[in-house]
PDB file of N, CA and C in Angstrom:
ATOM      1  N   MET A   1      34.942  41.789  66.326  1.00  0.00           N
ATOM      2  CA  MET A   1      34.432  41.860  64.972  1.00  0.00           C
ATOM      3  C   MET A   1      35.026  43.078  64.276  1.00  0.00           C
ATOM      4  N   ALA A   2      35.352  42.904  63.033  1.00  0.00           N
ATOM      5  CA  ALA A   2      35.956  43.992  62.261  1.00  0.00           C
ATOM      6  C   ALA A   2      34.928  45.081  61.964  1.00  0.00           C
ATOM      7  N   ASN A   3      35.382  46.341  62.049  1.00  0.00           N
ATOM      8  CA  ASN A   3      34.498  47.470  61.788  1.00  0.00           C
ATOM      9  C   ASN A   3      34.753  48.106  60.434  1.00  0.00           C
ATOM     10  N   HIS A   4      35.977  48.006  59.956  1.00  0.00           N
ATOM     11  CA  HIS A   4      36.330  48.655  58.703  1.00  0.00           C
ATOM     12  C   HIS A   4      36.192  47.692  57.532  1.00  0.00           C
ATOM     13  N   LYS A   5      35.894  48.286  56.392  1.00  0.00           N
ATOM     14  CA  LYS A   5      35.718  47.490  55.177  1.00  0.00           C
ATOM     15  C   LYS A   5      37.000  46.742  54.836  1.00  0.00           C
ATOM     16  N   SER A   6      38.156  47.386  54.989  1.00  0.00           N
ATOM     17  CA  SER A   6      39.437  46.755  54.663  1.00  0.00           C
ATOM     18  C   SER A   6      39.749  45.608  55.631  1.00  0.00           C
ATOM     19  N   ALA A   7      39.337  45.754  56.891  1.00  0.00           N
ATOM     20  CA  ALA A   7      39.568  44.694  57.868  1.00  0.00           C
ATOM     21  C   ALA A   7      38.721  43.468  57.539  1.00  0.00           C
ATOM     22  N   LYS A   8      37.505  43.706  57.091  1.00  0.00           N
ATOM     23  CA  LYS A   8      36.643  42.584  56.697  1.00  0.00           C
ATOM     24  C   LYS A   8      37.228  41.867  55.486  1.00  0.00           C
ATOM     25  N   LYS A   9      37.742  42.632  54.541  1.00  0.00           N
ATOM     26  CA  LYS A   9      38.369  42.030  53.361  1.00  0.00           C
ATOM     27  C   LYS A   9      39.608  41.233  53.771  1.00  0.00           C
ATOM     28  N   ARG A  10      40.385  41.766  54.695  1.00  0.00           N
ATOM     29  CA  ARG A  10      41.589  41.083  55.170  1.00  0.00           C
ATOM     30  C   ARG A  10      41.225  39.756  55.816  1.00  0.00           C
ATOM     31  N   ILE A  11      40.148  39.706  56.565  1.00  0.00           N
ATOM     32  CA  ILE A  11      39.693  38.470  57.196  1.00  0.00           C
ATOM     33  C   ILE A  11      39.349  37.440  56.121  1.00  0.00           C
ATOM     34  N   ARG A  12      38.630  37.889  55.081  1.00  0.00           N
ATOM     35  CA  ARG A  12      38.275  36.965  53.996  1.00  0.00           C
ATOM     36  C   ARG A  12      39.524  36.461  53.286  1.00  0.00           C
ATOM     37  N   ALA A  13      40.447  37.367  52.984  1.00  0.00           N
ATOM     38  CA  ALA A  13      41.662  36.984  52.265  1.00  0.00           C
ATOM     39  C   ALA A  13      42.510  36.026  53.096  1.00  0.00           C
ATOM     40  N   ASN A  14      42.643  36.314  54.391  1.00  0.00           N
ATOM     41  CA  ASN A  14      43.433  35.442  55.263  1.00  0.00           C
ATOM     42  C   ASN A  14      42.830  34.053  55.336  1.00  0.00           C
ATOM     43  N   ASN A  15      41.516  33.976  55.373  1.00  0.00           N
ATOM     44  CA  ASN A  15      40.853  32.682  55.454  1.00  0.00           C
ATOM     45  C   ASN A  15      41.097  31.859  54.196  1.00  0.00           C
ATOM     46  N   SER A  16      40.974  32.485  53.034  1.00  0.00           N
ATOM     47  CA  SER A  16      41.180  31.736  51.791  1.00  0.00           C
ATOM     48  C   SER A  16      42.644  31.322  51.644  1.00  0.00           C
ATOM     49  N   LYS A  17      43.567  32.185  52.041  1.00  0.00           N
ATOM     50  CA  LYS A  17      44.988  31.825  51.983  1.00  0.00           C
ATOM     51  C   LYS A  17      45.312  30.702  52.957  1.00  0.00           C
ATOM     52  N   ARG A  18      44.708  30.745  54.140  1.00  0.00           N
ATOM     53  CA  ARG A  18      44.926  29.695  55.140  1.00  0.00           C
ATOM     54  C   ARG A  18      44.472  28.348  54.606  1.00  0.00           C
ATOM     55  N   LEU A  19      43.316  28.316  53.963  1.00  0.00           N
ATOM     56  CA  LEU A  19      42.809  27.065  53.409  1.00  0.00           C
ATOM     57  C   LEU A  19      43.703  26.551  52.283  1.00  0.00           C
ATOM     58  N   ALA A  20      44.196  27.453  51.443  1.00  0.00           N
ATOM     59  CA  ALA A  20      45.099  27.050  50.360  1.00  0.00           C
ATOM     60  C   ALA A  20      46.396  26.512  50.928  1.00  0.00           C
ATOM     61  N   ASN A  21      46.942  27.177  51.949  1.00  0.00           N
ATOM     62  CA  ASN A  21      48.180  26.713  52.567  1.00  0.00           C
ATOM     63  C   ASN A  21      47.997  25.342  53.215  1.00  0.00           C
ATOM     64  N   ARG A  22      46.855  25.139  53.848  1.00  0.00           N
ATOM     65  CA  ARG A  22      46.573  23.831  54.455  1.00  0.00           C
ATOM     66  C   ARG A  22      46.516  22.750  53.388  1.00  0.00           C
ATOM     67  N   TYR A  23      45.900  23.069  52.254  1.00  0.00           N
ATOM     68  CA  TYR A  23      45.792  22.098  51.166  1.00  0.00           C
ATOM     69  C   TYR A  23      47.182  21.709  50.651  1.00  0.00           C
ATOM     70  N   PHE A  24      48.011  22.698  50.382  1.00  0.00           N
ATOM     71  CA  PHE A  24      49.343  22.407  49.842  1.00  0.00           C
ATOM     72  C   PHE A  24      50.206  21.666  50.851  1.00  0.00           C
ATOM     73  N   ALA A  25      50.118  22.049  52.123  1.00  0.00           N
ATOM     74  CA  ALA A  25      50.910  21.371  53.151  1.00  0.00           C
ATOM     75  C   ALA A  25      50.455  19.927  53.306  1.00  0.00           C
ATOM     76  N   ARG A  26      49.158  19.687  53.261  1.00  0.00           N
ATOM     77  CA  ARG A  26      48.628  18.325  53.388  1.00  0.00           C
ATOM     78  C   ARG A  26      49.031  17.488  52.184  1.00  0.00           C
ATOM     79  N   THR A  27      49.000  18.070  51.001  1.00  0.00           N
ATOM     80  CA  THR A  27      49.411  17.369  49.793  1.00  0.00           C
ATOM     81  C   THR A  27      50.872  16.948  49.902  1.00  0.00           C
ATOM     82  N   MET A  28      51.714  17.833  50.429  1.00  0.00           N
ATOM     83  CA  MET A  28      53.128  17.510  50.606  1.00  0.00           C
ATOM     84  C   MET A  28      53.305  16.380  51.604  1.00  0.00           C
ATOM     85  N   ARG A  29      52.594  16.451  52.721  1.00  0.00           N
ATOM     86  CA  ARG A  29      52.731  15.400  53.737  1.00  0.00           C
ATOM     87  C   ARG A  29      52.274  14.053  53.197  1.00  0.00           C
ATOM     88  N   ASN A  30      51.200  14.043  52.410  1.00  0.00           N
ATOM     89  CA  ASN A  30      50.740  12.788  51.815  1.00  0.00           C
ATOM     90  C   ASN A  30      51.764  12.232  50.830  1.00  0.00           C
ATOM     91  N   ALA A  31      52.386  13.104  50.056  1.00  0.00           N
ATOM     92  CA  ALA A  31      53.407  12.660  49.099  1.00  0.00           C
ATOM     93  C   ALA A  31      54.613  12.099  49.836  1.00  0.00           C
ATOM     94  N   LEU A  32      55.015  12.754  50.924  1.00  0.00           N
ATOM     95  CA  LEU A  32      56.144  12.264  51.715  1.00  0.00           C
ATOM     96  C   LEU A  32      55.828  10.901  52.320  1.00  0.00           C
ATOM     97  N   LYS A  33      54.629  10.770  52.845  1.00  0.00           N
ATOM     98  CA  LYS A  33      54.217   9.507  53.449  1.00  0.00           C
ATOM     99  C   LYS A  33      54.218   8.390  52.405  1.00  0.00           C
ATOM    100  N   ASP A  34      53.720   8.708  51.222  1.00  0.00           N
ATOM    101  CA  ASP A  34      53.652   7.731  50.140  1.00  0.00           C
ATOM    102  C   ASP A  34      55.042   7.254  49.742  1.00  0.00           C
ATOM    103  N   ILE A  35      55.977   8.181  49.612  1.00  0.00           N
ATOM    104  CA  ILE A  35      57.318   7.807  49.176  1.00  0.00           C
ATOM    105  C   ILE A  35      58.077   7.090  50.294  1.00  0.00           C
ATOM    106  N   ARG A  36      57.809   7.453  51.552  1.00  0.00           N
ATOM    107  CA  ARG A  36      58.485   6.793  52.673  1.00  0.00           C
ATOM    108  C   ARG A  36      58.011   5.365  52.869  1.00  0.00           C
ATOM    109  N   LEU A  37      56.751   5.105  52.545  1.00  0.00           N
ATOM    110  CA  LEU A  37      56.204   3.755  52.719  1.00  0.00           C
ATOM    111  C   LEU A  37      56.518   2.838  51.538  1.00  0.00           C
ATOM    112  N   THR A  38      57.100   3.385  50.476  1.00  0.00           N
ATOM    113  CA  THR A  38      57.451   2.578  49.314  1.00  0.00           C
ATOM    114  C   THR A  38      58.668   1.733  49.648  1.00  0.00           C
ATOM    115  N   SER A  39      58.584   0.450  49.358  1.00  0.00           N
ATOM    116  CA  SER A  39      59.696  -0.452  49.681  1.00  0.00           C
ATOM    117  C   SER A  39      60.552  -0.787  48.468  1.00  0.00           C
ATOM    118  N   GLU A  40      60.104  -0.412  47.268  1.00  0.00           N
ATOM    119  CA  GLU A  40      60.884  -0.686  46.061  1.00  0.00           C
ATOM    120  C   GLU A  40      61.683   0.552  45.672  1.00  0.00           C
ATOM    121  N   LYS A  41      62.954   0.353  45.414  1.00  0.00           N
ATOM    122  CA  LYS A  41      63.839   1.480  45.118  1.00  0.00           C
ATOM    123  C   LYS A  41      63.470   2.167  43.805  1.00  0.00           C
ATOM    124  N   ASN A  42      63.128   1.385  42.781  1.00  0.00           N
ATOM    125  CA  ASN A  42      62.794   1.976  41.481  1.00  0.00           C
ATOM    126  C   ASN A  42      61.577   2.883  41.561  1.00  0.00           C
ATOM    127  N   THR A  43      60.549   2.415  42.241  1.00  0.00           N
ATOM    128  CA  THR A  43      59.323   3.205  42.378  1.00  0.00           C
ATOM    129  C   THR A  43      59.595   4.496  43.154  1.00  0.00           C
ATOM    130  N   ALA A  44      60.353   4.369  44.238  1.00  0.00           N
ATOM    131  CA  ALA A  44      60.667   5.542  45.056  1.00  0.00           C
ATOM    132  C   ALA A  44      61.522   6.540  44.277  1.00  0.00           C
ATOM    133  N   ALA A  45      62.469   6.021  43.479  1.00  0.00           N
ATOM    134  CA  ALA A  45      63.335   6.898  42.694  1.00  0.00           C
ATOM    135  C   ALA A  45      62.538   7.639  41.622  1.00  0.00           C
ATOM    136  N   GLU A  46      61.495   7.009  41.100  1.00  0.00           N
ATOM    137  CA  GLU A  46      60.638   7.675  40.115  1.00  0.00           C
ATOM    138  C   GLU A  46      59.812   8.784  40.759  1.00  0.00           C
ATOM    139  N   LYS A  47      59.386   8.582  42.003  1.00  0.00           N
ATOM    140  CA  LYS A  47      58.549   9.564  42.694  1.00  0.00           C
ATOM    141  C   LYS A  47      59.365  10.726  43.247  1.00  0.00           C
ATOM    142  N   LEU A  48      60.653  10.524  43.472  1.00  0.00           N
ATOM    143  CA  LEU A  48      61.476  11.539  44.123  1.00  0.00           C
ATOM    144  C   LEU A  48      61.475  12.895  43.413  1.00  0.00           C
ATOM    145  N   PRO A  49      61.662  12.976  42.093  1.00  0.00           N
ATOM    146  CA  PRO A  49      61.666  14.300  41.449  1.00  0.00           C
ATOM    147  C   PRO A  49      60.352  15.064  41.606  1.00  0.00           C
ATOM    148  N   LYS A  50      59.227  14.355  41.580  1.00  0.00           N
ATOM    149  CA  LYS A  50      57.926  15.000  41.739  1.00  0.00           C
ATOM    150  C   LYS A  50      57.770  15.572  43.149  1.00  0.00           C
ATOM    151  N   VAL A  51      58.195  14.789  44.140  1.00  0.00           N
ATOM    152  CA  VAL A  51      58.075  15.245  45.525  1.00  0.00           C
ATOM    153  C   VAL A  51      59.028  16.403  45.784  1.00  0.00           C
ATOM    154  N   THR A  52      60.232  16.315  45.249  1.00  0.00           N
ATOM    155  CA  THR A  52      61.207  17.390  45.396  1.00  0.00           C
ATOM    156  C   THR A  52      60.676  18.684  44.777  1.00  0.00           C
ATOM    157  N   SER A  53      60.075  18.570  43.617  1.00  0.00           N
ATOM    158  CA  SER A  53      59.491  19.733  42.956  1.00  0.00           C
ATOM    159  C   SER A  53      58.374  20.330  43.800  1.00  0.00           C
ATOM    160  N   LEU A  54      57.540  19.477  44.365  1.00  0.00           N
ATOM    161  CA  LEU A  54      56.440  19.933  45.215  1.00  0.00           C
ATOM    162  C   LEU A  54      56.977  20.684  46.433  1.00  0.00           C
ATOM    163  N   ILE A  55      58.024  20.152  47.048  1.00  0.00           N
ATOM    164  CA  ILE A  55      58.624  20.800  48.219  1.00  0.00           C
ATOM    165  C   ILE A  55      59.191  22.166  47.835  1.00  0.00           C
ATOM    166  N   ASP A  56      59.864  22.228  46.682  1.00  0.00           N
ATOM    167  CA  ASP A  56      60.439  23.497  46.235  1.00  0.00           C
ATOM    168  C   ASP A  56      59.356  24.545  45.974  1.00  0.00           C
ATOM    169  N   LYS A  57      58.220  24.125  45.449  1.00  0.00           N
ATOM    170  CA  LYS A  57      57.125  25.056  45.201  1.00  0.00           C
ATOM    171  C   LYS A  57      56.574  25.614  46.514  1.00  0.00           C
ATOM    172  N   LEU A  58      56.534  24.767  47.556  1.00  0.00           N
ATOM    173  CA  LEU A  58      56.045  25.241  48.849  1.00  0.00           C
ATOM    174  C   LEU A  58      57.003  26.258  49.460  1.00  0.00           C
ATOM    175  N   VAL A  59      58.297  26.059  49.230  1.00  0.00           N
ATOM    176  CA  VAL A  59      59.278  27.036  49.712  1.00  0.00           C
ATOM    177  C   VAL A  59      59.082  28.356  48.988  1.00  0.00           C
ATOM    178  N   LYS A  60      58.886  28.288  47.680  1.00  0.00           N
ATOM    179  CA  LYS A  60      58.708  29.502  46.890  1.00  0.00           C
ATOM    180  C   LYS A  60      57.474  30.283  47.339  1.00  0.00           C
ATOM    181  N   ARG A  61      56.430  29.569  47.729  1.00  0.00           N
ATOM    182  CA  ARG A  61      55.204  30.218  48.188  1.00  0.00           C
ATOM    183  C   ARG A  61      55.289  30.665  49.642  1.00  0.00           C
ATOM    184  N   GLY A  62      56.338  30.242  50.347  1.00  0.00           N
ATOM    185  CA  GLY A  62      56.506  30.644  51.739  1.00  0.00           C
ATOM    186  C   GLY A  62      55.729  29.799  52.721  1.00  0.00           C
ATOM    187  N   ILE A  63      55.301  28.618  52.317  1.00  0.00           N
ATOM    188  CA  ILE A  63      54.521  27.757  53.201  1.00  0.00           C
ATOM    189  C   ILE A  63      55.435  27.014  54.167  1.00  0.00           C
ATOM    190  N   ILE A  64      56.602  26.584  53.683  1.00  0.00           N
ATOM    191  CA  ILE A  64      57.590  25.971  54.565  1.00  0.00           C
ATOM    192  C   ILE A  64      58.917  26.707  54.398  1.00  0.00           C
ATOM    193  N   HIS A  65      59.778  26.575  55.390  1.00  0.00           N
ATOM    194  CA  HIS A  65      61.074  27.244  55.370  1.00  0.00           C
ATOM    195  C   HIS A  65      62.044  26.478  54.479  1.00  0.00           C
ATOM    196  N   LYS A  66      63.000  27.187  53.896  1.00  0.00           N
ATOM    197  CA  LYS A  66      63.929  26.554  52.961  1.00  0.00           C
ATOM    198  C   LYS A  66      64.809  25.517  53.646  1.00  0.00           C
ATOM    199  N   ASN A  67      65.135  25.723  54.927  1.00  0.00           N
ATOM    200  CA  ASN A  67      65.951  24.734  55.633  1.00  0.00           C
ATOM    201  C   ASN A  67      65.152  23.460  55.898  1.00  0.00           C
ATOM    202  N   LYS A  68      63.882  23.600  56.197  1.00  0.00           N
ATOM    203  CA  LYS A  68      63.030  22.424  56.387  1.00  0.00           C
ATOM    204  C   LYS A  68      62.938  21.638  55.087  1.00  0.00           C
ATOM    205  N   ALA A  69      62.812  22.363  53.981  1.00  0.00           N
ATOM    206  CA  ALA A  69      62.748  21.704  52.676  1.00  0.00           C
ATOM    207  C   ALA A  69      64.038  20.953  52.401  1.00  0.00           C
ATOM    208  N   ALA A  70      65.167  21.563  52.715  1.00  0.00           N
ATOM    209  CA  ALA A  70      66.456  20.912  52.495  1.00  0.00           C
ATOM    210  C   ALA A  70      66.568  19.643  53.339  1.00  0.00           C
ATOM    211  N   ASN A  71      66.098  19.719  54.582  1.00  0.00           N
ATOM    212  CA  ASN A  71      66.138  18.539  55.453  1.00  0.00           C
ATOM    213  C   ASN A  71      65.233  17.423  54.926  1.00  0.00           C
ATOM    214  N   LEU A  72      64.047  17.790  54.445  1.00  0.00           N
ATOM    215  CA  LEU A  72      63.127  16.787  53.909  1.00  0.00           C
ATOM    216  C   LEU A  72      63.715  16.102  52.678  1.00  0.00           C
ATOM    217  N   LYS A  73      64.252  16.906  51.753  1.00  0.00           N
ATOM    218  CA  LYS A  73      64.804  16.351  50.512  1.00  0.00           C
ATOM    219  C   LYS A  73      66.018  15.481  50.818  1.00  0.00           C
ATOM    220  N   SER A  74      66.849  15.925  51.737  1.00  0.00           N
ATOM    221  CA  SER A  74      68.038  15.154  52.114  1.00  0.00           C
ATOM    222  C   SER A  74      67.644  13.817  52.734  1.00  0.00           C
ATOM    223  N   GLY A  75      66.657  13.855  53.628  1.00  0.00           N
ATOM    224  CA  GLY A  75      66.197  12.620  54.272  1.00  0.00           C
ATOM    225  C   GLY A  75      65.617  11.642  53.269  1.00  0.00           C
ATOM    226  N   LEU A  76      64.863  12.152  52.306  1.00  0.00           N
ATOM    227  CA  LEU A  76      64.289  11.277  51.281  1.00  0.00           C
ATOM    228  C   LEU A  76      65.384  10.640  50.429  1.00  0.00           C
ATOM    229  N   ALA A  77      66.384  11.439  50.051  1.00  0.00           N
ATOM    230  CA  ALA A  77      67.471  10.919  49.230  1.00  0.00           C
ATOM    231  C   ALA A  77      68.237   9.832  49.971  1.00  0.00           C
ATOM    232  N   ILE A  78      68.485  10.053  51.254  1.00  0.00           N
ATOM    233  CA  ILE A  78      69.190   9.055  52.050  1.00  0.00           C
ATOM    234  C   ILE A  78      68.374   7.780  52.139  1.00  0.00           C
ATOM    235  N   LYS A  79      67.070   7.925  52.387  1.00  0.00           N
ATOM    236  CA  LYS A  79      66.208   6.743  52.521  1.00  0.00           C
ATOM    237  C   LYS A  79      66.174   5.944  51.222  1.00  0.00           C
ATOM    238  N   ILE A  80      66.061   6.629  50.104  1.00  0.00           N
ATOM    239  CA  ILE A  80      66.000   5.937  48.815  1.00  0.00           C
ATOM    240  C   ILE A  80      67.319   5.252  48.502  1.00  0.00           C
ATOM    241  N   ASN A  81      68.426   5.894  48.817  1.00  0.00           N
ATOM    242  CA  ASN A  81      69.742   5.280  48.580  1.00  0.00           C
ATOM    243  C   ASN A  81      69.970   4.055  49.441  1.00  0.00           C
ATOM    244  N   ASN A  82      69.334   4.010  50.603  1.00  0.00           N
ATOM    245  CA  ASN A  82      69.501   2.861  51.502  1.00  0.00           C
ATOM    246  C   ASN A  82      68.578   1.696  51.163  1.00  0.00           C
ATOM    247  N   LEU A  83      67.628   1.913  50.263  1.00  0.00           N
ATOM    248  CA  LEU A  83      66.708   0.814  49.909  1.00  0.00           C
ATOM    249  C   LEU A  83      67.447  -0.278  49.152  1.00  0.00           C
TER     250      LEU A  83
END
């Protein structure tokens, strides 16, 4: 258990940041799943810019690594082009 006031504050801050990071990561995974399960090229192509933007925002916040984001975006583009 934390003894110092700053340590207690750090625990609270870490918890709220952890929950926010979980929310954003889950939102990204749901968006990826949605676009991957789409079988129509037009619909998937319309969703791609929104998902790409979401991935870029997660990189900016430090939730995912930039190389992982590049791999995700590349995979989505390939999948949509193959539809």
